[in-house]
Amino acid sequence: PSACNMCYNGCSIKVHVVEGTVVKIEGNP
């Protein structure tokens, strides 16, 4: 779980990490 930093809105996100590599970003329900 993290926060998006692509703009100042800072939406809550979930980041899928596989072997140290980000493979997907989704919103956090």
mmCIF file of all heavy atoms, coordinates in Angstrom:
data_MODEL
# 
_entry.id   MODEL 
# 
loop_
_atom_site.group_PDB 
_atom_site.id 
_atom_site.type_symbol 
_atom_site.label_atom_id 
_atom_site.label_alt_id 
_atom_site.label_comp_id 
_atom_site.label_asym_id 
_atom_site.label_entity_id 
_atom_site.label_seq_id 
_atom_site.pdbx_PDB_ins_code 
_atom_site.Cartn_x 
_atom_site.Cartn_y 
_atom_site.Cartn_z 
_atom_site.occupancy 
_atom_site.B_iso_or_equiv 
_atom_site.pdbx_formal_charge 
_atom_site.auth_seq_id 
_atom_site.auth_comp_id 
_atom_site.auth_asym_id 
_atom_site.auth_atom_id 
_atom_site.pdbx_PDB_model_num 
ATOM 1   N N   . PRO A 1 1  ? 0.842   -1.208  0.000   1.00 0.00 ? 1  PRO A N   1 
ATOM 2   C CA  . PRO A 1 1  ? 0.000   0.000   0.000   1.00 0.00 ? 1  PRO A CA  1 
ATOM 3   C C   . PRO A 1 1  ? 0.869   1.247   0.000   1.00 0.00 ? 1  PRO A C   1 
ATOM 4   O O   . PRO A 1 1  ? 1.889   1.316   0.700   1.00 0.00 ? 1  PRO A O   1 
ATOM 5   C CB  . PRO A 1 1  ? -0.807  -0.130  1.299   1.00 0.00 ? 1  PRO A CB  1 
ATOM 6   C CG  . PRO A 1 1  ? 0.025   -1.000  2.182   1.00 0.00 ? 1  PRO A CG  1 
ATOM 7   C CD  . PRO A 1 1  ? 0.769   -1.945  1.275   1.00 0.00 ? 1  PRO A CD  1 
ATOM 8   N N   . SER A 1 2  ? 0.487   2.233   -0.791  1.00 0.00 ? 2  SER A N   1 
ATOM 9   C CA  . SER A 1 2  ? 1.285   3.447   -0.892  1.00 0.00 ? 2  SER A CA  1 
ATOM 10  C C   . SER A 1 2  ? 0.376   4.593   -1.335  1.00 0.00 ? 2  SER A C   1 
ATOM 11  O O   . SER A 1 2  ? -0.856  4.488   -1.281  1.00 0.00 ? 2  SER A O   1 
ATOM 12  C CB  . SER A 1 2  ? 2.444   3.245   -1.882  1.00 0.00 ? 2  SER A CB  1 
ATOM 13  O OG  . SER A 1 2  ? 3.296   4.375   -1.897  1.00 0.00 ? 2  SER A OG  1 
ATOM 14  N N   . ALA A 1 3  ? 0.983   5.691   -1.738  1.00 0.00 ? 3  ALA A N   1 
ATOM 15  C CA  . ALA A 1 3  ? 0.238   6.848   -2.238  1.00 0.00 ? 3  ALA A CA  1 
ATOM 16  C C   . ALA A 1 3  ? 0.839   7.276   -3.564  1.00 0.00 ? 3  ALA A C   1 
ATOM 17  O O   . ALA A 1 3  ? 2.055   7.329   -3.723  1.00 0.00 ? 3  ALA A O   1 
ATOM 18  C CB  . ALA A 1 3  ? 0.290   8.005   -1.240  1.00 0.00 ? 3  ALA A CB  1 
ATOM 19  N N   . CYS A 1 4  ? -0.025  7.580   -4.511  1.00 0.00 ? 4  CYS A N   1 
ATOM 20  C CA  . CYS A 1 4  ? 0.430   8.042   -5.826  1.00 0.00 ? 4  CYS A CA  1 
ATOM 21  C C   . CYS A 1 4  ? 1.082   9.408   -5.684  1.00 0.00 ? 4  CYS A C   1 
ATOM 22  O O   . CYS A 1 4  ? 0.603   10.270  -4.946  1.00 0.00 ? 4  CYS A O   1 
ATOM 23  C CB  . CYS A 1 4  ? -0.763  8.117   -6.785  1.00 0.00 ? 4  CYS A CB  1 
ATOM 24  S SG  . CYS A 1 4  ? -0.326  8.668   -8.442  1.00 0.00 ? 4  CYS A SG  1 
ATOM 25  N N   . ASN A 1 5  ? 2.150   9.621   -6.412  1.00 0.00 ? 5  ASN A N   1 
ATOM 26  C CA  . ASN A 1 5  ? 2.870   10.892  -6.335  1.00 0.00 ? 5  ASN A CA  1 
ATOM 27  C C   . ASN A 1 5  ? 2.973   11.553  -7.702  1.00 0.00 ? 5  ASN A C   1 
ATOM 28  O O   . ASN A 1 5  ? 3.852   12.362  -7.948  1.00 0.00 ? 5  ASN A O   1 
ATOM 29  C CB  . ASN A 1 5  ? 4.274   10.659  -5.763  1.00 0.00 ? 5  ASN A CB  1 
ATOM 30  C CG  . ASN A 1 5  ? 4.769   11.886  -5.016  1.00 0.00 ? 5  ASN A CG  1 
ATOM 31  O OD1 . ASN A 1 5  ? 3.980   12.619  -4.432  1.00 0.00 ? 5  ASN A OD1 1 
ATOM 32  N ND2 . ASN A 1 5  ? 6.059   12.108  -5.033  1.00 0.00 ? 5  ASN A ND2 1 
ATOM 33  N N   . MET A 1 6  ? 2.056   11.182  -8.600  1.00 0.00 ? 6  MET A N   1 
ATOM 34  C CA  . MET A 1 6  ? 2.105   11.755  -9.943  1.00 0.00 ? 6  MET A CA  1 
ATOM 35  C C   . MET A 1 6  ? 1.473   13.145  -10.003 1.00 0.00 ? 6  MET A C   1 
ATOM 36  O O   . MET A 1 6  ? 1.620   13.855  -10.997 1.00 0.00 ? 6  MET A O   1 
ATOM 37  C CB  . MET A 1 6  ? 1.398   10.815  -10.926 1.00 0.00 ? 6  MET A CB  1 
ATOM 38  C CG  . MET A 1 6  ? 2.065   9.457   -11.066 1.00 0.00 ? 6  MET A CG  1 
ATOM 39  S SD  . MET A 1 6  ? 3.742   9.567   -11.738 1.00 0.00 ? 6  MET A SD  1 
ATOM 40  C CE  . MET A 1 6  ? 3.380   9.947   -13.449 1.00 0.00 ? 6  MET A CE  1 
ATOM 41  N N   . CYS A 1 7  ? 0.737   13.534  -8.975  1.00 0.00 ? 7  CYS A N   1 
ATOM 42  C CA  . CYS A 1 7  ? 0.234   14.898  -8.852  1.00 0.00 ? 7  CYS A CA  1 
ATOM 43  C C   . CYS A 1 7  ? -0.046  15.141  -7.370  1.00 0.00 ? 7  CYS A C   1 
ATOM 44  O O   . CYS A 1 7  ? 0.162   14.265  -6.537  1.00 0.00 ? 7  CYS A O   1 
ATOM 45  C CB  . CYS A 1 7  ? -1.014  15.122  -9.702  1.00 0.00 ? 7  CYS A CB  1 
ATOM 46  S SG  . CYS A 1 7  ? -2.544  14.494  -8.989  1.00 0.00 ? 7  CYS A SG  1 
ATOM 47  N N   . TYR A 1 8  ? -0.545  16.330  -7.042  1.00 0.00 ? 8  TYR A N   1 
ATOM 48  C CA  . TYR A 1 8  ? -0.704  16.650  -5.621  1.00 0.00 ? 8  TYR A CA  1 
ATOM 49  C C   . TYR A 1 8  ? -1.923  16.012  -4.968  1.00 0.00 ? 8  TYR A C   1 
ATOM 50  O O   . TYR A 1 8  ? -2.167  16.205  -3.782  1.00 0.00 ? 8  TYR A O   1 
ATOM 51  C CB  . TYR A 1 8  ? -0.722  18.153  -5.388  1.00 0.00 ? 8  TYR A CB  1 
ATOM 52  C CG  . TYR A 1 8  ? -1.757  18.952  -6.139  1.00 0.00 ? 8  TYR A CG  1 
ATOM 53  C CD1 . TYR A 1 8  ? -3.071  18.532  -6.234  1.00 0.00 ? 8  TYR A CD1 1 
ATOM 54  C CD2 . TYR A 1 8  ? -1.425  20.165  -6.742  1.00 0.00 ? 8  TYR A CD2 1 
ATOM 55  C CE1 . TYR A 1 8  ? -4.018  19.263  -6.898  1.00 0.00 ? 8  TYR A CE1 1 
ATOM 56  C CE2 . TYR A 1 8  ? -2.371  20.912  -7.417  1.00 0.00 ? 8  TYR A CE2 1 
ATOM 57  C CZ  . TYR A 1 8  ? -3.669  20.455  -7.492  1.00 0.00 ? 8  TYR A CZ  1 
ATOM 58  O OH  . TYR A 1 8  ? -4.613  21.203  -8.154  1.00 0.00 ? 8  TYR A OH  1 
ATOM 59  N N   . ASN A 1 9  ? -2.722  15.253  -5.711  1.00 0.00 ? 9  ASN A N   1 
ATOM 60  C CA  . ASN A 1 9  ? -3.910  14.650  -5.100  1.00 0.00 ? 9  ASN A CA  1 
ATOM 61  C C   . ASN A 1 9  ? -3.579  13.465  -4.207  1.00 0.00 ? 9  ASN A C   1 
ATOM 62  O O   . ASN A 1 9  ? -4.333  13.143  -3.299  1.00 0.00 ? 9  ASN A O   1 
ATOM 63  C CB  . ASN A 1 9  ? -4.911  14.245  -6.182  1.00 0.00 ? 9  ASN A CB  1 
ATOM 64  C CG  . ASN A 1 9  ? -5.604  15.455  -6.783  1.00 0.00 ? 9  ASN A CG  1 
ATOM 65  O OD1 . ASN A 1 9  ? -6.194  16.243  -6.077  1.00 0.00 ? 9  ASN A OD1 1 
ATOM 66  N ND2 . ASN A 1 9  ? -5.502  15.618  -8.088  1.00 0.00 ? 9  ASN A ND2 1 
ATOM 67  N N   . GLY A 1 10 ? -2.465  12.788  -4.462  1.00 0.00 ? 10 GLY A N   1 
ATOM 68  C CA  . GLY A 1 10 ? -1.997  11.743  -3.558  1.00 0.00 ? 10 GLY A CA  1 
ATOM 69  C C   . GLY A 1 10 ? -2.980  10.620  -3.316  1.00 0.00 ? 10 GLY A C   1 
ATOM 70  O O   . GLY A 1 10 ? -3.190  10.211  -2.172  1.00 0.00 ? 10 GLY A O   1 
ATOM 71  N N   . CYS A 1 11 ? -3.587  10.080  -4.370  1.00 0.00 ? 11 CYS A N   1 
ATOM 72  C CA  . CYS A 1 11 ? -4.561  8.998   -4.195  1.00 0.00 ? 11 CYS A CA  1 
ATOM 73  C C   . CYS A 1 11 ? -3.891  7.743   -3.626  1.00 0.00 ? 11 CYS A C   1 
ATOM 74  O O   . CYS A 1 11 ? -2.723  7.464   -3.886  1.00 0.00 ? 11 CYS A O   1 
ATOM 75  C CB  . CYS A 1 11 ? -5.212  8.661   -5.537  1.00 0.00 ? 11 CYS A CB  1 
ATOM 76  S SG  . CYS A 1 11 ? -6.203  10.007  -6.203  1.00 0.00 ? 11 CYS A SG  1 
ATOM 77  N N   . SER A 1 12 ? -4.673  6.981   -2.876  1.00 0.00 ? 12 SER A N   1 
ATOM 78  C CA  . SER A 1 12 ? -4.162  5.747   -2.269  1.00 0.00 ? 12 SER A CA  1 
ATOM 79  C C   . SER A 1 12 ? -4.046  4.660   -3.334  1.00 0.00 ? 12 SER A C   1 
ATOM 80  O O   . SER A 1 12 ? -4.962  4.461   -4.136  1.00 0.00 ? 12 SER A O   1 
ATOM 81  C CB  . SER A 1 12 ? -5.088  5.281   -1.145  1.00 0.00 ? 12 SER A CB  1 
ATOM 82  O OG  . SER A 1 12 ? -5.140  6.254   -0.124  1.00 0.00 ? 12 SER A OG  1 
ATOM 83  N N   . ILE A 1 13 ? -2.924  3.950   -3.316  1.00 0.00 ? 13 ILE A N   1 
ATOM 84  C CA  . ILE A 1 13 ? -2.668  2.927   -4.322  1.00 0.00 ? 13 ILE A CA  1 
ATOM 85  C C   . ILE A 1 13 ? -2.125  1.657   -3.676  1.00 0.00 ? 13 ILE A C   1 
ATOM 86  O O   . ILE A 1 13 ? -1.704  1.655   -2.514  1.00 0.00 ? 13 ILE A O   1 
ATOM 87  C CB  . ILE A 1 13 ? -1.656  3.406   -5.393  1.00 0.00 ? 13 ILE A CB  1 
ATOM 88  C CG1 . ILE A 1 13 ? -0.316  3.780   -4.739  1.00 0.00 ? 13 ILE A CG1 1 
ATOM 89  C CG2 . ILE A 1 13 ? -2.215  4.576   -6.178  1.00 0.00 ? 13 ILE A CG2 1 
ATOM 90  C CD1 . ILE A 1 13 ? 0.775   4.152   -5.730  1.00 0.00 ? 13 ILE A CD1 1 
ATOM 91  N N   . LYS A 1 14 ? -2.161  0.575   -4.451  1.00 0.00 ? 14 LYS A N   1 
ATOM 92  C CA  . LYS A 1 14 ? -1.484  -0.661  -4.103  1.00 0.00 ? 14 LYS A CA  1 
ATOM 93  C C   . LYS A 1 14 ? -0.501  -0.970  -5.240  1.00 0.00 ? 14 LYS A C   1 
ATOM 94  O O   . LYS A 1 14 ? -0.856  -0.875  -6.407  1.00 0.00 ? 14 LYS A O   1 
ATOM 95  C CB  . LYS A 1 14 ? -2.477  -1.814  -3.948  1.00 0.00 ? 14 LYS A CB  1 
ATOM 96  C CG  . LYS A 1 14 ? -3.443  -1.656  -2.797  1.00 0.00 ? 14 LYS A CG  1 
ATOM 97  C CD  . LYS A 1 14 ? -4.172  -2.967  -2.498  1.00 0.00 ? 14 LYS A CD  1 
ATOM 98  C CE  . LYS A 1 14 ? -4.895  -3.487  -3.722  1.00 0.00 ? 14 LYS A CE  1 
ATOM 99  N NZ  . LYS A 1 14 ? -5.622  -4.768  -3.415  1.00 0.00 ? 14 LYS A NZ  1 
ATOM 100 N N   . VAL A 1 15 ? 0.717   -1.313  -4.858  1.00 0.00 ? 15 VAL A N   1 
ATOM 101 C CA  . VAL A 1 15 ? 1.767   -1.548  -5.848  1.00 0.00 ? 15 VAL A CA  1 
ATOM 102 C C   . VAL A 1 15 ? 2.172   -3.018  -5.812  1.00 0.00 ? 15 VAL A C   1 
ATOM 103 O O   . VAL A 1 15 ? 2.544   -3.544  -4.755  1.00 0.00 ? 15 VAL A O   1 
ATOM 104 C CB  . VAL A 1 15 ? 2.996   -0.650  -5.566  1.00 0.00 ? 15 VAL A CB  1 
ATOM 105 C CG1 . VAL A 1 15 ? 4.066   -0.862  -6.628  1.00 0.00 ? 15 VAL A CG1 1 
ATOM 106 C CG2 . VAL A 1 15 ? 2.582   0.821   -5.510  1.00 0.00 ? 15 VAL A CG2 1 
ATOM 107 N N   . HIS A 1 16 ? 2.095   -3.675  -6.957  1.00 0.00 ? 16 HIS A N   1 
ATOM 108 C CA  . HIS A 1 16 ? 2.452   -5.092  -7.061  1.00 0.00 ? 16 HIS A CA  1 
ATOM 109 C C   . HIS A 1 16 ? 3.939   -5.192  -7.402  1.00 0.00 ? 16 HIS A C   1 
ATOM 110 O O   . HIS A 1 16 ? 4.384   -4.743  -8.454  1.00 0.00 ? 16 HIS A O   1 
ATOM 111 C CB  . HIS A 1 16 ? 1.621   -5.773  -8.145  1.00 0.00 ? 16 HIS A CB  1 
ATOM 112 C CG  . HIS A 1 16 ? 1.715   -7.258  -8.125  1.00 0.00 ? 16 HIS A CG  1 
ATOM 113 N ND1 . HIS A 1 16 ? 1.205   -8.075  -9.116  1.00 0.00 ? 16 HIS A ND1 1 
ATOM 114 C CD2 . HIS A 1 16 ? 2.278   -8.120  -7.211  1.00 0.00 ? 16 HIS A CD2 1 
ATOM 115 C CE1 . HIS A 1 16 ? 1.433   -9.343  -8.823  1.00 0.00 ? 16 HIS A CE1 1 
ATOM 116 N NE2 . HIS A 1 16 ? 2.086   -9.381  -7.677  1.00 0.00 ? 16 HIS A NE2 1 
ATOM 117 N N   . VAL A 1 17 ? 4.698   -5.777  -6.485  1.00 0.00 ? 17 VAL A N   1 
ATOM 118 C CA  . VAL A 1 17 ? 6.152   -5.914  -6.646  1.00 0.00 ? 17 VAL A CA  1 
ATOM 119 C C   . VAL A 1 17 ? 6.498   -7.398  -6.755  1.00 0.00 ? 17 VAL A C   1 
ATOM 120 O O   . VAL A 1 17 ? 6.152   -8.187  -5.874  1.00 0.00 ? 17 VAL A O   1 
ATOM 121 C CB  . VAL A 1 17 ? 6.907   -5.273  -5.460  1.00 0.00 ? 17 VAL A CB  1 
ATOM 122 C CG1 . VAL A 1 17 ? 8.422   -5.460  -5.631  1.00 0.00 ? 17 VAL A CG1 1 
ATOM 123 C CG2 . VAL A 1 17 ? 6.553   -3.796  -5.348  1.00 0.00 ? 17 VAL A CG2 1 
ATOM 124 N N   . VAL A 1 18 ? 7.177   -7.760  -7.825  1.00 0.00 ? 18 VAL A N   1 
ATOM 125 C CA  . VAL A 1 18 ? 7.637   -9.129  -8.048  1.00 0.00 ? 18 VAL A CA  1 
ATOM 126 C C   . VAL A 1 18 ? 9.143   -9.111  -8.226  1.00 0.00 ? 18 VAL A C   1 
ATOM 127 O O   . VAL A 1 18 ? 9.667   -8.477  -9.137  1.00 0.00 ? 18 VAL A O   1 
ATOM 128 C CB  . VAL A 1 18 ? 6.970   -9.756  -9.290  1.00 0.00 ? 18 VAL A CB  1 
ATOM 129 C CG1 . VAL A 1 18 ? 7.515   -11.169 -9.525  1.00 0.00 ? 18 VAL A CG1 1 
ATOM 130 C CG2 . VAL A 1 18 ? 5.449   -9.798  -9.128  1.00 0.00 ? 18 VAL A CG2 1 
ATOM 131 N N   . GLU A 1 19 ? 9.837   -9.760  -7.290  1.00 0.00 ? 19 GLU A N   1 
ATOM 132 C CA  . GLU A 1 19 ? 11.294  -9.834  -7.315  1.00 0.00 ? 19 GLU A CA  1 
ATOM 133 C C   . GLU A 1 19 ? 11.928  -8.450  -7.481  1.00 0.00 ? 19 GLU A C   1 
ATOM 134 O O   . GLU A 1 19 ? 12.815  -8.233  -8.305  1.00 0.00 ? 19 GLU A O   1 
ATOM 135 C CB  . GLU A 1 19 ? 11.750  -10.773 -8.432  1.00 0.00 ? 19 GLU A CB  1 
ATOM 136 C CG  . GLU A 1 19 ? 11.190  -12.169 -8.297  1.00 0.00 ? 19 GLU A CG  1 
ATOM 137 C CD  . GLU A 1 19 ? 12.247  -13.252 -8.490  1.00 0.00 ? 19 GLU A CD  1 
ATOM 138 O OE1 . GLU A 1 19 ? 13.387  -12.916 -8.844  1.00 0.00 ? 19 GLU A OE1 1 
ATOM 139 O OE2 . GLU A 1 19 ? 11.915  -14.408 -8.258  1.00 0.00 ? 19 GLU A OE2 1 
ATOM 140 N N   . GLY A 1 20 ? 11.408  -7.477  -6.692  1.00 0.00 ? 20 GLY A N   1 
ATOM 141 C CA  . GLY A 1 20 ? 11.995  -6.135  -6.682  1.00 0.00 ? 20 GLY A CA  1 
ATOM 142 C C   . GLY A 1 20 ? 11.565  -5.236  -7.817  1.00 0.00 ? 20 GLY A C   1 
ATOM 143 O O   . GLY A 1 20 ? 12.030  -4.104  -7.917  1.00 0.00 ? 20 GLY A O   1 
ATOM 144 N N   . THR A 1 21 ? 10.672  -5.716  -8.681  1.00 0.00 ? 21 THR A N   1 
ATOM 145 C CA  . THR A 1 21 ? 10.241  -4.923  -9.826  1.00 0.00 ? 21 THR A CA  1 
ATOM 146 C C   . THR A 1 21 ? 8.743   -4.640  -9.731  1.00 0.00 ? 21 THR A C   1 
ATOM 147 O O   . THR A 1 21 ? 7.948   -5.545  -9.477  1.00 0.00 ? 21 THR A O   1 
ATOM 148 C CB  . THR A 1 21 ? 10.520  -5.662  -11.146 1.00 0.00 ? 21 THR A CB  1 
ATOM 149 O OG1 . THR A 1 21 ? 11.923  -5.912  -11.253 1.00 0.00 ? 21 THR A OG1 1 
ATOM 150 C CG2 . THR A 1 21 ? 10.063  -4.831  -12.342 1.00 0.00 ? 21 THR A CG2 1 
ATOM 151 N N   . VAL A 1 22 ? 8.383   -3.379  -9.924  1.00 0.00 ? 22 VAL A N   1 
ATOM 152 C CA  . VAL A 1 22 ? 6.971   -3.001  -9.941  1.00 0.00 ? 22 VAL A CA  1 
ATOM 153 C C   . VAL A 1 22 ? 6.365   -3.483  -11.252 1.00 0.00 ? 22 VAL A C   1 
ATOM 154 O O   . VAL A 1 22 ? 6.834   -3.125  -12.338 1.00 0.00 ? 22 VAL A O   1 
ATOM 155 C CB  . VAL A 1 22 ? 6.801   -1.478  -9.806  1.00 0.00 ? 22 VAL A CB  1 
ATOM 156 C CG1 . VAL A 1 22 ? 5.330   -1.089  -9.963  1.00 0.00 ? 22 VAL A CG1 1 
ATOM 157 C CG2 . VAL A 1 22 ? 7.321   -0.995  -8.461  1.00 0.00 ? 22 VAL A CG2 1 
ATOM 158 N N   . VAL A 1 23 ? 5.311   -4.288  -11.161 1.00 0.00 ? 23 VAL A N   1 
ATOM 159 C CA  . VAL A 1 23 ? 4.677   -4.811  -12.365 1.00 0.00 ? 23 VAL A CA  1 
ATOM 160 C C   . VAL A 1 23 ? 3.265   -4.258  -12.552 1.00 0.00 ? 23 VAL A C   1 
ATOM 161 O O   . VAL A 1 23 ? 2.714   -4.359  -13.648 1.00 0.00 ? 23 VAL A O   1 
ATOM 162 C CB  . VAL A 1 23 ? 4.640   -6.361  -12.345 1.00 0.00 ? 23 VAL A CB  1 
ATOM 163 C CG1 . VAL A 1 23 ? 6.050   -6.919  -12.335 1.00 0.00 ? 23 VAL A CG1 1 
ATOM 164 C CG2 . VAL A 1 23 ? 3.843   -6.874  -11.147 1.00 0.00 ? 23 VAL A CG2 1 
ATOM 165 N N   . LYS A 1 24 ? 2.686   -3.681  -11.508 1.00 0.00 ? 24 LYS A N   1 
ATOM 166 C CA  . LYS A 1 24 ? 1.342   -3.148  -11.658 1.00 0.00 ? 24 LYS A CA  1 
ATOM 167 C C   . LYS A 1 24 ? 1.036   -2.163  -10.530 1.00 0.00 ? 24 LYS A C   1 
ATOM 168 O O   . LYS A 1 24 ? 1.535   -2.312  -9.416  1.00 0.00 ? 24 LYS A O   1 
ATOM 169 C CB  . LYS A 1 24 ? 0.300   -4.278  -11.651 1.00 0.00 ? 24 LYS A CB  1 
ATOM 170 C CG  . LYS A 1 24 ? -1.100  -3.822  -12.053 1.00 0.00 ? 24 LYS A CG  1 
ATOM 171 C CD  . LYS A 1 24 ? -2.060  -4.995  -12.194 1.00 0.00 ? 24 LYS A CD  1 
ATOM 172 C CE  . LYS A 1 24 ? -3.403  -4.515  -12.721 1.00 0.00 ? 24 LYS A CE  1 
ATOM 173 N NZ  . LYS A 1 24 ? -4.373  -5.622  -12.862 1.00 0.00 ? 24 LYS A NZ  1 
ATOM 174 N N   . ILE A 1 25 ? 0.213   -1.172  -10.842 1.00 0.00 ? 25 ILE A N   1 
ATOM 175 C CA  . ILE A 1 25 ? -0.290  -0.211  -9.851  1.00 0.00 ? 25 ILE A CA  1 
ATOM 176 C C   . ILE A 1 25 ? -1.809  -0.199  -9.944  1.00 0.00 ? 25 ILE A C   1 
ATOM 177 O O   . ILE A 1 25 ? -2.376  -0.116  -11.045 1.00 0.00 ? 25 ILE A O   1 
ATOM 178 C CB  . ILE A 1 25 ? 0.261   1.202   -10.095 1.00 0.00 ? 25 ILE A CB  1 
ATOM 179 C CG1 . ILE A 1 25 ? 1.784   1.216   -10.016 1.00 0.00 ? 25 ILE A CG1 1 
ATOM 180 C CG2 . ILE A 1 25 ? -0.323  2.189   -9.092  1.00 0.00 ? 25 ILE A CG2 1 
ATOM 181 C CD1 . ILE A 1 25 ? 2.402   2.561   -10.374 1.00 0.00 ? 25 ILE A CD1 1 
ATOM 182 N N   . GLU A 1 26 ? -2.490  -0.295  -8.810  1.00 0.00 ? 26 GLU A N   1 
ATOM 183 C CA  . GLU A 1 26 ? -3.943  -0.243  -8.759  1.00 0.00 ? 26 GLU A CA  1 
ATOM 184 C C   . GLU A 1 26 ? -4.378  0.711   -7.661  1.00 0.00 ? 26 GLU A C   1 
ATOM 185 O O   . GLU A 1 26 ? -3.616  1.000   -6.732  1.00 0.00 ? 26 GLU A O   1 
ATOM 186 C CB  . GLU A 1 26 ? -4.539  -1.635  -8.469  1.00 0.00 ? 26 GLU A CB  1 
ATOM 187 C CG  . GLU A 1 26 ? -4.350  -2.664  -9.553  1.00 0.00 ? 26 GLU A CG  1 
ATOM 188 C CD  . GLU A 1 26 ? -5.000  -3.996  -9.204  1.00 0.00 ? 26 GLU A CD  1 
ATOM 189 O OE1 . GLU A 1 26 ? -5.523  -4.109  -8.066  1.00 0.00 ? 26 GLU A OE1 1 
ATOM 190 O OE2 . GLU A 1 26 ? -4.980  -4.903  -10.049 1.00 0.00 ? 26 GLU A OE2 1 
ATOM 191 N N   . GLY A 1 27 ? -5.614  1.177   -7.751  1.00 0.00 ? 27 GLY A N   1 
ATOM 192 C CA  . GLY A 1 27 ? -6.181  1.960   -6.665  1.00 0.00 ? 27 GLY A CA  1 
ATOM 193 C C   . GLY A 1 27 ? -6.441  1.081   -5.460  1.00 0.00 ? 27 GLY A C   1 
ATOM 194 O O   . GLY A 1 27 ? -6.686  -0.121  -5.582  1.00 0.00 ? 27 GLY A O   1 
ATOM 195 N N   . ASN A 1 28 ? -6.386  1.690   -4.271  1.00 0.00 ? 28 ASN A N   1 
ATOM 196 C CA  . ASN A 1 28 ? -6.593  0.939   -3.031  1.00 0.00 ? 28 ASN A CA  1 
ATOM 197 C C   . ASN A 1 28 ? -8.050  1.083   -2.580  1.00 0.00 ? 28 ASN A C   1 
ATOM 198 O O   . ASN A 1 28 ? -8.460  2.151   -2.115  1.00 0.00 ? 28 ASN A O   1 
ATOM 199 C CB  . ASN A 1 28 ? -5.652  1.452   -1.941  1.00 0.00 ? 28 ASN A CB  1 
ATOM 200 C CG  . ASN A 1 28 ? -5.659  0.570   -0.704  1.00 0.00 ? 28 ASN A CG  1 
ATOM 201 O OD1 . ASN A 1 28 ? -6.567  -0.230  -0.510  1.00 0.00 ? 28 ASN A OD1 1 
ATOM 202 N ND2 . ASN A 1 28 ? -4.635  0.709   0.120   1.00 0.00 ? 28 ASN A ND2 1 
ATOM 203 N N   . PRO A 1 29 ? -8.841  0.026   -2.694  1.00 0.00 ? 29 PRO A N   1 
ATOM 204 C CA  . PRO A 1 29 ? -10.260 0.131   -2.331  1.00 0.00 ? 29 PRO A CA  1 
ATOM 205 C C   . PRO A 1 29 ? -10.499 0.298   -0.842  1.00 0.00 ? 29 PRO A C   1 
ATOM 206 O O   . PRO A 1 29 ? -11.613 0.616   -0.420  1.00 0.00 ? 29 PRO A O   1 
ATOM 207 C CB  . PRO A 1 29 ? -10.849 -1.197  -2.836  1.00 0.00 ? 29 PRO A CB  1 
ATOM 208 C CG  . PRO A 1 29 ? -9.694  -2.150  -2.827  1.00 0.00 ? 29 PRO A CG  1 
ATOM 209 C CD  . PRO A 1 29 ? -8.485  -1.328  -3.166  1.00 0.00 ? 29 PRO A CD  1 
# 
